[in-house]
Amino acid sequence: MKLCLISDTHGDFDSIDSLIEKIKGNIDSVIHLGDDSTDANILVEKEFKVIKVPGVFEPTYHNITTSRRRIEEFEGIKFLLTHTPRKHENDFPDEEGPEELSKKVNVVLYGHTHIPSIETRENVVWINPGHMKRQDKRGFPPTYCILEFSSNDKKDKVINANIIELSSNNSIIEKTLKL
């Protein structure tokens, strides 16, 4: 199974079009981690399976009936999908934040910071695919992440995580994760 992670597209449809050309026919699902998750509708129109959560600046984030965070399972591995890596001022007071929910999963997928990263905290892998905005003030180029699932001889579940620069298609962070 292969997943493509994107976040913080902020209406940059040129970047999304570039991404489509790179991943078409090669991805099982695209996960959009918010700001602006409705941008992913173009992926649905191109017949990609899309899973998304809203970002903190989207109107749906402020709707009590909207799931701002969700837990999904892929290949027997539990993932938290969230826009923010921690509780945000736009969250509802009684809502569990990513820190609490991370105790229920193996991997946390988040955006918001526009900073691509793959790290482990308290035995949970945290992945941020970066952003897809061509003009960004934080100093990082547009990036996305590919997660490819497999297993090894020891029956470990293995994820090859690769954060890729959109324009050059070069890998900027690559890690093999054994769960």
Protein backbone atom coordinates (compact mmCIF):
# COMPACT_ATOMS: atom_id res chain seq x y z
CA MET A 1 0.00 0.00 0.00
CA LYS A 2 1.16 3.53 -0.79
CA LEU A 3 -0.18 6.73 0.73
CA CYS A 4 0.60 10.30 -0.28
CA LEU A 5 0.49 12.92 2.49
CA ILE A 6 -0.04 16.60 1.79
CA SER A 7 -0.78 19.59 3.96
CA ASP A 8 -1.18 23.35 3.82
CA THR A 9 -2.01 23.67 0.13
CA HIS A 10 -3.56 27.12 0.70
CA GLY A 11 -5.20 27.23 -2.72
CA ASP A 12 -2.01 26.54 -4.68
CA PHE A 13 -3.60 24.48 -7.46
CA ASP A 14 -0.44 24.63 -9.59
CA SER A 15 1.35 22.64 -6.89
CA ILE A 16 -1.53 20.19 -6.68
CA ASP A 17 -1.47 19.74 -10.47
CA SER A 18 2.29 19.06 -10.31
CA LEU A 19 1.69 16.50 -7.56
CA ILE A 20 -1.02 14.76 -9.60
CA GLU A 21 1.41 14.25 -12.46
CA LYS A 22 3.97 12.69 -10.09
CA ILE A 23 1.65 10.29 -8.25
CA LYS A 24 -1.07 9.28 -10.73
CA GLY A 25 -1.42 5.53 -11.04
CA ASN A 26 1.01 4.95 -8.17
CA ILE A 27 -0.90 5.83 -4.97
CA ASP A 28 -3.71 4.07 -3.10
CA SER A 29 -4.91 7.16 -1.18
CA VAL A 30 -4.04 10.80 -0.61
CA ILE A 31 -4.32 12.25 2.90
CA HIS A 32 -4.78 16.02 3.17
CA LEU A 33 -3.92 17.30 6.65
CA GLY A 34 -5.67 20.65 6.45
CA ASP A 35 -5.37 24.25 5.44
CA ASP A 36 -7.13 24.12 2.91
CA SER A 37 -8.49 20.58 2.84
CA THR A 38 -11.17 21.48 0.30
CA ASP A 39 -8.32 21.92 -2.21
CA ALA A 40 -8.22 18.11 -2.23
CA ASN A 41 -11.52 18.09 -4.14
CA ILE A 42 -9.48 18.38 -7.35
CA LEU A 43 -7.85 15.06 -6.43
CA VAL A 44 -11.27 13.48 -5.99
CA GLU A 45 -12.25 14.80 -9.43
CA LYS A 46 -9.14 13.04 -10.80
CA GLU A 47 -10.40 9.81 -9.13
CA PHE A 48 -7.95 9.65 -6.25
CA LYS A 49 -9.22 8.26 -2.97
CA VAL A 50 -8.87 11.16 -0.50
CA ILE A 51 -9.00 11.28 3.28
CA LYS A 52 -8.86 14.71 4.88
CA VAL A 53 -9.07 16.71 8.07
CA PRO A 54 -9.66 20.47 8.20
CA GLY A 55 -7.05 23.04 9.14
CA VAL A 56 -7.52 25.56 11.93
CA PHE A 57 -8.28 28.42 9.54
CA GLU A 58 -11.03 26.58 7.66
CA PRO A 59 -14.67 27.39 8.53
CA THR A 60 -15.47 23.69 9.05
CA TYR A 61 -12.85 23.49 11.83
CA HIS A 62 -15.13 25.69 13.96
CA ASN A 63 -18.18 23.46 13.46
CA ILE A 64 -18.80 21.23 16.50
CA THR A 65 -20.03 18.39 14.23
CA THR A 66 -16.80 18.34 12.21
CA SER A 67 -14.14 15.75 13.04
CA ARG A 68 -11.01 17.85 13.44
CA ARG A 69 -8.92 14.77 14.17
CA ARG A 70 -9.46 11.17 13.23
CA ILE A 71 -7.88 7.80 13.86
CA GLU A 72 -7.48 5.56 10.81
CA GLU A 73 -5.89 2.15 10.38
CA PHE A 74 -3.75 1.22 7.39
CA GLU A 75 -2.15 -2.22 7.07
CA GLY A 76 -2.84 -2.88 10.77
CA ILE A 77 -1.10 0.31 11.92
CA LYS A 78 -3.07 3.01 13.73
CA PHE A 79 -2.66 6.61 12.57
CA LEU A 80 -3.87 9.90 14.00
CA LEU A 81 -4.69 12.45 11.32
CA THR A 82 -4.62 16.01 12.64
CA HIS A 83 -3.77 19.44 11.33
CA THR A 84 -1.93 20.58 14.44
CA PRO A 85 0.74 18.76 16.45
CA ARG A 86 -0.71 20.08 19.71
CA LYS A 87 -3.93 21.52 21.03
CA HIS A 88 -4.82 24.79 19.28
CA GLU A 89 -6.68 27.86 20.52
CA ASN A 90 -9.42 27.09 17.93
CA ASP A 91 -10.09 23.66 19.48
CA PHE A 92 -13.09 23.15 21.72
CA PRO A 93 -12.14 23.14 25.45
CA ASP A 94 -13.25 19.55 26.16
CA GLU A 95 -11.74 18.12 22.98
CA GLU A 96 -8.77 15.72 23.19
CA GLY A 97 -5.66 17.17 21.62
CA PRO A 98 -3.04 15.39 19.52
CA GLU A 99 -0.82 14.75 22.56
CA GLU A 100 -3.57 12.76 24.31
CA LEU A 101 -4.73 10.99 21.16
CA SER A 102 -1.16 10.02 20.23
CA LYS A 103 -1.25 7.49 23.09
CA LYS A 104 -3.82 5.50 21.09
CA VAL A 105 -1.84 5.23 17.82
CA ASN A 106 1.50 4.22 16.30
CA VAL A 107 1.86 7.20 13.97
CA VAL A 108 0.70 10.84 14.05
CA LEU A 109 0.31 12.65 10.72
CA TYR A 110 0.09 16.44 11.01
CA GLY A 111 0.67 19.70 9.17
CA HIS A 112 0.27 23.34 10.25
CA THR A 113 3.95 24.20 10.83
CA HIS A 114 4.95 24.00 7.13
CA ILE A 115 8.14 22.24 8.32
CA PRO A 116 8.73 18.75 6.90
CA SER A 117 9.82 16.24 9.55
CA ILE A 118 9.84 12.61 10.64
CA GLU A 119 10.62 11.99 14.29
CA THR A 120 9.82 9.60 17.12
CA ARG A 121 8.43 10.84 20.43
CA GLU A 122 7.60 8.40 23.23
CA ASN A 123 7.52 5.44 20.81
CA VAL A 124 5.13 7.22 18.42
CA VAL A 125 6.26 8.33 14.96
CA TRP A 126 5.29 11.93 14.07
CA ILE A 127 5.29 12.88 10.39
CA ASN A 128 4.74 16.31 8.86
CA PRO A 129 4.82 16.33 5.03
CA GLY A 130 5.55 20.07 4.99
CA HIS A 131 3.46 22.35 2.77
CA MET A 132 2.50 22.71 -0.90
CA LYS A 133 2.55 26.49 -1.17
CA ARG A 134 5.01 27.82 -3.77
CA GLN A 135 5.38 31.12 -1.90
CA ASP A 136 6.06 30.40 1.77
CA LYS A 137 7.74 32.63 4.35
CA ARG A 138 9.14 29.82 6.53
CA GLY A 139 12.03 28.90 4.25
CA PHE A 140 11.04 25.39 3.18
CA PRO A 141 10.16 24.43 -0.40
CA PRO A 142 6.86 22.71 -1.23
CA THR A 143 7.02 19.06 -0.18
CA TYR A 144 4.86 15.97 0.11
CA CYS A 145 5.39 12.56 1.72
CA ILE A 146 5.02 9.04 0.37
CA LEU A 147 4.41 6.21 2.84
CA GLU A 148 5.00 2.73 1.47
CA PHE A 149 4.00 -0.24 3.62
CA SER A 150 5.68 -3.65 3.70
CA SER A 151 6.83 -6.29 6.19
CA ASN A 152 10.15 -7.99 6.90
CA ASP A 153 11.31 -11.50 7.81
CA LYS A 154 10.59 -10.84 11.49
CA LYS A 155 6.95 -9.98 10.66
CA ASP A 156 7.58 -6.35 11.63
CA LYS A 157 5.35 -3.85 9.91
CA VAL A 158 7.60 -1.55 7.94
CA ILE A 159 6.85 1.89 6.54
CA ASN A 160 9.25 3.57 4.17
CA ALA A 161 8.58 7.29 4.69
CA ASN A 162 9.96 9.65 2.09
CA ILE A 163 9.46 13.43 2.14
CA ILE A 164 10.00 14.74 -1.37
CA GLU A 165 10.59 18.24 -2.71
CA LEU A 166 7.83 18.93 -5.21
CA SER A 167 9.84 20.85 -7.82
CA SER A 168 12.97 18.67 -7.97
CA ASN A 169 11.40 15.33 -6.96
CA ASN A 170 14.43 14.85 -4.68
CA SER A 171 14.04 13.15 -1.33
CA ILE A 172 14.84 15.51 1.55
CA ILE A 173 14.01 13.15 4.44
CA GLU A 174 13.82 9.38 4.13
CA LYS A 175 13.35 6.90 6.97
CA THR A 176 12.48 3.25 7.31
CA LEU A 177 10.15 2.77 10.27
CA LYS A 178 9.68 -0.62 11.94
CA LEU A 179 6.50 -0.86 13.99
